[in-house]
């Protein structure tokens, strides 16, 4: 009977798509990886140090990405990323560095840090600019991340999930269709982290 119930639950999940975490695990664990550095030593050094602190070789890709997301949500706060001012701002590396070093920043900084971390893992993560829904109605300018897997874009938005402050992430590995009315006018923001291809 227990086996039968387990099979029924698995079929239900497959038919309804109710297994967000397992979907994300499958997608991320099966993505092709191309570890990429930013090319800015000051940024690459802190990215590698952060990854060494929060991940290990025994972790799956999903576990590493989740560790990066958790790290930003759990240790960072929204504010002015003053450490970025110590470096030339040409491609998002200063924002990533400032967020990882100082743990304070805006949506740009959360997204640049997440992109730098997950690109080092090997995922095609890039920054996107557009508008996001405001809690009090309407929309506001915003930058978030996309990880492209098999030509499908998956939203990762640690700043919004940090702002929501719930025990569940609403913007971790979801498609735009799964977050209706949350984003408008999304375009890759190539001034920071551009898509690999």
C-alpha atoms as a PDB file:
ATOM      1  CA  UNK A   1       0.000   0.000   0.000  1.00  0.00           C
ATOM      2  CA  UNK A   2       2.831   2.412   0.885  1.00  0.00           C
ATOM      3  CA  UNK A   3       4.462   1.815  -2.503  1.00  0.00           C
ATOM      4  CA  UNK A   4       1.136   2.475  -4.239  1.00  0.00           C
ATOM      5  CA  UNK A   5       0.683   5.792  -2.384  1.00  0.00           C
ATOM      6  CA  UNK A   6       4.245   6.829  -3.240  1.00  0.00           C
ATOM      7  CA  UNK A   7       3.604   6.126  -6.932  1.00  0.00           C
ATOM      8  CA  UNK A   8       0.311   8.050  -6.793  1.00  0.00           C
ATOM      9  CA  UNK A   9       2.067  11.036  -5.205  1.00  0.00           C
ATOM     10  CA  UNK A  10       4.777  10.988  -7.872  1.00  0.00           C
ATOM     11  CA  UNK A  11       2.171  10.867 -10.664  1.00  0.00           C
ATOM     12  CA  UNK A  12       0.261  13.746  -9.036  1.00  0.00           C
ATOM     13  CA  UNK A  13       3.434  15.844  -8.876  1.00  0.00           C
ATOM     14  CA  UNK A  14       4.249  15.127 -12.505  1.00  0.00           C
ATOM     15  CA  UNK A  15       0.737  15.986 -13.661  1.00  0.00           C
ATOM     16  CA  UNK A  16       0.249  19.103 -11.574  1.00  0.00           C
ATOM     17  CA  UNK A  17       3.775  20.474 -11.521  1.00  0.00           C
ATOM     18  CA  UNK A  18       3.529  20.894  -7.755  1.00  0.00           C
ATOM     19  CA  UNK A  19       7.102  19.919  -7.016  1.00  0.00           C
ATOM     20  CA  UNK A  20       8.938  23.213  -7.456  1.00  0.00           C
ATOM     21  CA  UNK A  21      12.001  22.168  -5.466  1.00  0.00           C
ATOM     22  CA  UNK A  22      12.372  18.867  -7.282  1.00  0.00           C
ATOM     23  CA  UNK A  23      11.862  20.626 -10.629  1.00  0.00           C
ATOM     24  CA  UNK A  24      14.623  23.101  -9.781  1.00  0.00           C
ATOM     25  CA  UNK A  25      16.864  20.287  -8.593  1.00  0.00           C
ATOM     26  CA  UNK A  26      16.372  18.355 -11.819  1.00  0.00           C
ATOM     27  CA  UNK A  27      16.932  21.415 -14.013  1.00  0.00           C
ATOM     28  CA  UNK A  28      20.020  22.689 -12.235  1.00  0.00           C
ATOM     29  CA  UNK A  29      21.603  19.281 -11.696  1.00  0.00           C
ATOM     30  CA  UNK A  30      21.269  18.470 -15.390  1.00  0.00           C
ATOM     31  CA  UNK A  31      22.421  21.812 -16.785  1.00  0.00           C
ATOM     32  CA  UNK A  32      25.663  21.900 -18.722  1.00  0.00           C
ATOM     33  CA  UNK A  33      28.313  23.747 -16.745  1.00  0.00           C
ATOM     34  CA  UNK A  34      30.913  26.173 -18.086  1.00  0.00           C
ATOM     35  CA  UNK A  35      32.690  27.710 -15.071  1.00  0.00           C
ATOM     36  CA  UNK A  36      33.464  31.335 -15.893  1.00  0.00           C
ATOM     37  CA  UNK A  37      35.432  34.028 -14.097  1.00  0.00           C
ATOM     38  CA  UNK A  38      34.653  37.719 -14.345  1.00  0.00           C
ATOM     39  CA  UNK A  39      38.219  38.622 -15.344  1.00  0.00           C
ATOM     40  CA  UNK A  40      38.521  41.138 -12.507  1.00  0.00           C
ATOM     41  CA  UNK A  41      40.880  39.625  -9.918  1.00  0.00           C
ATOM     42  CA  UNK A  42      39.415  41.556  -6.981  1.00  0.00           C
ATOM     43  CA  UNK A  43      35.960  40.174  -7.797  1.00  0.00           C
ATOM     44  CA  UNK A  44      37.058  36.651  -8.720  1.00  0.00           C
ATOM     45  CA  UNK A  45      38.998  36.364  -5.463  1.00  0.00           C
ATOM     46  CA  UNK A  46      35.976  37.170  -3.293  1.00  0.00           C
ATOM     47  CA  UNK A  47      33.689  34.999  -5.436  1.00  0.00           C
ATOM     48  CA  UNK A  48      36.005  32.006  -4.970  1.00  0.00           C
ATOM     49  CA  UNK A  49      36.401  32.723  -1.239  1.00  0.00           C
ATOM     50  CA  UNK A  50      32.613  32.929  -0.828  1.00  0.00           C
ATOM     51  CA  UNK A  51      32.045  29.714  -2.757  1.00  0.00           C
ATOM     52  CA  UNK A  52      34.716  27.967  -0.645  1.00  0.00           C
ATOM     53  CA  UNK A  53      32.873  29.132   2.485  1.00  0.00           C
ATOM     54  CA  UNK A  54      29.353  28.109   1.457  1.00  0.00           C
ATOM     55  CA  UNK A  55      29.814  25.158  -0.934  1.00  0.00           C
ATOM     56  CA  UNK A  56      31.920  22.018  -1.288  1.00  0.00           C
ATOM     57  CA  UNK A  57      32.720  19.469  -3.987  1.00  0.00           C
ATOM     58  CA  UNK A  58      30.222  16.950  -2.607  1.00  0.00           C
ATOM     59  CA  UNK A  59      27.283  19.288  -3.232  1.00  0.00           C
ATOM     60  CA  UNK A  60      25.102  19.051  -6.332  1.00  0.00           C
ATOM     61  CA  UNK A  61      24.714  22.029  -8.649  1.00  0.00           C
ATOM     62  CA  UNK A  62      21.279  22.657  -7.150  1.00  0.00           C
ATOM     63  CA  UNK A  63      22.710  22.630  -3.629  1.00  0.00           C
ATOM     64  CA  UNK A  64      25.446  25.076  -4.642  1.00  0.00           C
ATOM     65  CA  UNK A  65      22.998  27.463  -6.321  1.00  0.00           C
ATOM     66  CA  UNK A  66      20.671  27.256  -3.332  1.00  0.00           C
ATOM     67  CA  UNK A  67      23.637  27.960  -1.015  1.00  0.00           C
ATOM     68  CA  UNK A  68      24.464  31.088  -3.043  1.00  0.00           C
ATOM     69  CA  UNK A  69      20.852  32.273  -2.950  1.00  0.00           C
ATOM     70  CA  UNK A  70      20.516  31.520   0.769  1.00  0.00           C
ATOM     71  CA  UNK A  71      23.783  33.321   1.468  1.00  0.00           C
ATOM     72  CA  UNK A  72      22.573  36.520  -0.190  1.00  0.00           C
ATOM     73  CA  UNK A  73      19.112  36.384   1.400  1.00  0.00           C
ATOM     74  CA  UNK A  74      20.435  35.487   4.862  1.00  0.00           C
ATOM     75  CA  UNK A  75      23.495  37.753   5.107  1.00  0.00           C
ATOM     76  CA  UNK A  76      22.704  40.807   2.972  1.00  0.00           C
ATOM     77  CA  UNK A  77      20.436  43.795   3.453  1.00  0.00           C
ATOM     78  CA  UNK A  78      19.015  46.419   1.128  1.00  0.00           C
ATOM     79  CA  UNK A  79      20.969  49.666   1.139  1.00  0.00           C
ATOM     80  CA  UNK A  80      23.800  51.653  -0.432  1.00  0.00           C
ATOM     81  CA  UNK A  81      26.686  49.499  -1.676  1.00  0.00           C
ATOM     82  CA  UNK A  82      29.487  51.982  -0.944  1.00  0.00           C
ATOM     83  CA  UNK A  83      32.297  49.435  -1.413  1.00  0.00           C
ATOM     84  CA  UNK A  84      31.567  49.328  -5.151  1.00  0.00           C
ATOM     85  CA  UNK A  85      32.864  52.876  -5.413  1.00  0.00           C
ATOM     86  CA  UNK A  86      36.422  51.647  -4.807  1.00  0.00           C
ATOM     87  CA  UNK A  87      36.491  50.040  -8.275  1.00  0.00           C
ATOM     88  CA  UNK A  88      35.615  51.122 -11.809  1.00  0.00           C
ATOM     89  CA  UNK A  89      32.007  50.224 -12.601  1.00  0.00           C
ATOM     90  CA  UNK A  90      32.104  48.832 -16.090  1.00  0.00           C
ATOM     91  CA  UNK A  91      30.504  45.416 -15.957  1.00  0.00           C
ATOM     92  CA  UNK A  92      28.930  44.631 -12.594  1.00  0.00           C
ATOM     93  CA  UNK A  93      32.072  43.261 -10.977  1.00  0.00           C
ATOM     94  CA  UNK A  94      32.324  46.224  -8.575  1.00  0.00           C
ATOM     95  CA  UNK A  95      28.714  45.684  -7.524  1.00  0.00           C
ATOM     96  CA  UNK A  96      29.295  41.946  -7.009  1.00  0.00           C
ATOM     97  CA  UNK A  97      32.437  42.638  -4.985  1.00  0.00           C
ATOM     98  CA  UNK A  98      30.753  45.300  -2.850  1.00  0.00           C
ATOM     99  CA  UNK A  99      27.816  43.044  -2.039  1.00  0.00           C
ATOM    100  CA  UNK A 100      29.958  40.024  -1.168  1.00  0.00           C
ATOM    101  CA  UNK A 101      32.376  42.123   0.902  1.00  0.00           C
ATOM    102  CA  UNK A 102      29.944  44.496   2.621  1.00  0.00           C
ATOM    103  CA  UNK A 103      26.637  42.583   2.515  1.00  0.00           C
ATOM    104  CA  UNK A 104      24.664  45.730   1.658  1.00  0.00           C
ATOM    105  CA  UNK A 105      23.257  46.690  -1.708  1.00  0.00           C
ATOM    106  CA  UNK A 106      20.320  47.299  -4.008  1.00  0.00           C
ATOM    107  CA  UNK A 107      18.754  44.968  -6.572  1.00  0.00           C
ATOM    108  CA  UNK A 108      21.701  45.563  -8.945  1.00  0.00           C
ATOM    109  CA  UNK A 109      24.119  44.389  -6.272  1.00  0.00           C
ATOM    110  CA  UNK A 110      22.173  41.294  -5.228  1.00  0.00           C
ATOM    111  CA  UNK A 111      21.868  40.307  -8.889  1.00  0.00           C
ATOM    112  CA  UNK A 112      25.494  40.975  -9.792  1.00  0.00           C
ATOM    113  CA  UNK A 113      26.693  38.962  -6.788  1.00  0.00           C
ATOM    114  CA  UNK A 114      24.367  36.074  -7.638  1.00  0.00           C
ATOM    115  CA  UNK A 115      25.441  36.156 -11.287  1.00  0.00           C
ATOM    116  CA  UNK A 116      29.157  36.171 -10.410  1.00  0.00           C
ATOM    117  CA  UNK A 117      28.719  33.255  -7.985  1.00  0.00           C
ATOM    118  CA  UNK A 118      26.606  31.074 -10.260  1.00  0.00           C
ATOM    119  CA  UNK A 119      28.708  31.785 -13.359  1.00  0.00           C
ATOM    120  CA  UNK A 120      31.734  30.596 -11.373  1.00  0.00           C
ATOM    121  CA  UNK A 121      29.782  27.386 -10.729  1.00  0.00           C
ATOM    122  CA  UNK A 122      29.261  27.193 -14.488  1.00  0.00           C
ATOM    123  CA  UNK A 123      25.693  28.313 -15.170  1.00  0.00           C
ATOM    124  CA  UNK A 124      24.617  30.743 -17.882  1.00  0.00           C
ATOM    125  CA  UNK A 125      23.404  33.369 -15.429  1.00  0.00           C
ATOM    126  CA  UNK A 126      22.885  36.954 -16.567  1.00  0.00           C
ATOM    127  CA  UNK A 127      21.317  40.168 -15.360  1.00  0.00           C
ATOM    128  CA  UNK A 128      18.000  41.456 -16.662  1.00  0.00           C
ATOM    129  CA  UNK A 129      16.474  44.917 -16.453  1.00  0.00           C
ATOM    130  CA  UNK A 130      12.776  45.682 -16.520  1.00  0.00           C
ATOM    131  CA  UNK A 131      10.007  46.360 -14.049  1.00  0.00           C
ATOM    132  CA  UNK A 132       8.717  44.359 -11.120  1.00  0.00           C
ATOM    133  CA  UNK A 133       5.416  44.579  -9.303  1.00  0.00           C
ATOM    134  CA  UNK A 134       5.391  46.729  -6.172  1.00  0.00           C
ATOM    135  CA  UNK A 135       3.741  45.452  -2.998  1.00  0.00           C
ATOM    136  CA  UNK A 136       1.590  48.600  -2.888  1.00  0.00           C
ATOM    137  CA  UNK A 137       0.573  48.341  -6.553  1.00  0.00           C
ATOM    138  CA  UNK A 138       2.071  49.411  -9.838  1.00  0.00           C
ATOM    139  CA  UNK A 139       5.572  48.657 -11.063  1.00  0.00           C
ATOM    140  CA  UNK A 140       9.095  49.911 -10.455  1.00  0.00           C
ATOM    141  CA  UNK A 141      12.424  49.571 -12.255  1.00  0.00           C
ATOM    142  CA  UNK A 142      14.360  46.513 -11.179  1.00  0.00           C
ATOM    143  CA  UNK A 143      17.295  44.228 -12.012  1.00  0.00           C
ATOM    144  CA  UNK A 144      17.159  40.464 -11.455  1.00  0.00           C
ATOM    145  CA  UNK A 145      18.870  37.340 -12.786  1.00  0.00           C
ATOM    146  CA  UNK A 146      18.037  34.716 -15.341  1.00  0.00           C
ATOM    147  CA  UNK A 147      19.665  31.323 -15.613  1.00  0.00           C
ATOM    148  CA  UNK A 148      19.089  29.973 -19.108  1.00  0.00           C
ATOM    149  CA  UNK A 149      18.850  26.192 -19.358  1.00  0.00           C
ATOM    150  CA  UNK A 150      18.003  24.547 -22.692  1.00  0.00           C
ATOM    151  CA  UNK A 151      16.766  27.871 -24.101  1.00  0.00           C
ATOM    152  CA  UNK A 152      14.324  28.412 -21.204  1.00  0.00           C
ATOM    153  CA  UNK A 153      14.768  31.422 -18.923  1.00  0.00           C
ATOM    154  CA  UNK A 154      14.424  30.825 -15.179  1.00  0.00           C
ATOM    155  CA  UNK A 155      14.068  33.804 -12.839  1.00  0.00           C
ATOM    156  CA  UNK A 156      16.276  34.103  -9.745  1.00  0.00           C
ATOM    157  CA  UNK A 157      15.616  37.250  -7.726  1.00  0.00           C
ATOM    158  CA  UNK A 158      17.306  37.107  -4.300  1.00  0.00           C
ATOM    159  CA  UNK A 159      16.611  40.770  -3.509  1.00  0.00           C
ATOM    160  CA  UNK A 160      12.856  40.335  -3.887  1.00  0.00           C
ATOM    161  CA  UNK A 161      12.855  37.095  -1.882  1.00  0.00           C
ATOM    162  CA  UNK A 162      14.948  38.822   0.801  1.00  0.00           C
ATOM    163  CA  UNK A 163      12.438  41.676   0.819  1.00  0.00           C
ATOM    164  CA  UNK A 164       9.470  39.294   1.091  1.00  0.00           C
ATOM    165  CA  UNK A 165      11.148  37.595   4.042  1.00  0.00           C
ATOM    166  CA  UNK A 166       9.078  34.399   3.885  1.00  0.00           C
ATOM    167  CA  UNK A 167      10.214  30.865   4.629  1.00  0.00           C
ATOM    168  CA  UNK A 168       9.493  29.995   0.984  1.00  0.00           C
ATOM    169  CA  UNK A 169      11.243  31.506  -2.017  1.00  0.00           C
ATOM    170  CA  UNK A 170       8.888  32.806  -4.682  1.00  0.00           C
ATOM    171  CA  UNK A 171      11.513  33.896  -7.212  1.00  0.00           C
ATOM    172  CA  UNK A 172      13.929  30.937  -7.196  1.00  0.00           C
ATOM    173  CA  UNK A 173      14.092  29.019 -10.501  1.00  0.00           C
ATOM    174  CA  UNK A 174      10.668  30.000 -11.824  1.00  0.00           C
ATOM    175  CA  UNK A 175       9.591  30.950 -15.318  1.00  0.00           C
ATOM    176  CA  UNK A 176       7.852  34.216 -16.119  1.00  0.00           C
ATOM    177  CA  UNK A 177       4.650  32.198 -16.630  1.00  0.00           C
ATOM    178  CA  UNK A 178       4.943  30.921 -13.059  1.00  0.00           C
ATOM    179  CA  UNK A 179       5.149  34.506 -11.756  1.00  0.00           C
ATOM    180  CA  UNK A 180       2.378  36.207 -13.758  1.00  0.00           C
ATOM    181  CA  UNK A 181       2.234  39.995 -13.509  1.00  0.00           C
ATOM    182  CA  UNK A 182       5.490  40.080 -11.504  1.00  0.00           C
ATOM    183  CA  UNK A 183       7.782  41.324 -14.291  1.00  0.00           C
ATOM    184  CA  UNK A 184       7.377  43.594 -17.307  1.00  0.00           C
ATOM    185  CA  UNK A 185       9.631  44.697 -20.171  1.00  0.00           C
ATOM    186  CA  UNK A 186      12.434  42.236 -19.338  1.00  0.00           C
ATOM    187  CA  UNK A 187      15.609  42.703 -21.383  1.00  0.00           C
ATOM    188  CA  UNK A 188      19.117  41.322 -20.750  1.00  0.00           C
ATOM    189  CA  UNK A 189      21.134  44.032 -19.000  1.00  0.00           C
ATOM    190  CA  UNK A 190      24.436  43.631 -20.791  1.00  0.00           C
ATOM    191  CA  UNK A 191      26.100  46.509 -18.911  1.00  0.00           C
ATOM    192  CA  UNK A 192      26.516  44.007 -16.074  1.00  0.00           C
ATOM    193  CA  UNK A 193      26.542  40.272 -16.780  1.00  0.00           C
ATOM    194  CA  UNK A 194      25.542  39.387 -20.355  1.00  0.00           C
ATOM    195  CA  UNK A 195      24.324  35.956 -21.468  1.00  0.00           C
ATOM    196  CA  UNK A 196      27.042  33.507 -22.490  1.00  0.00           C
ATOM    197  CA  UNK A 197      25.425  33.198 -25.914  1.00  0.00           C
END
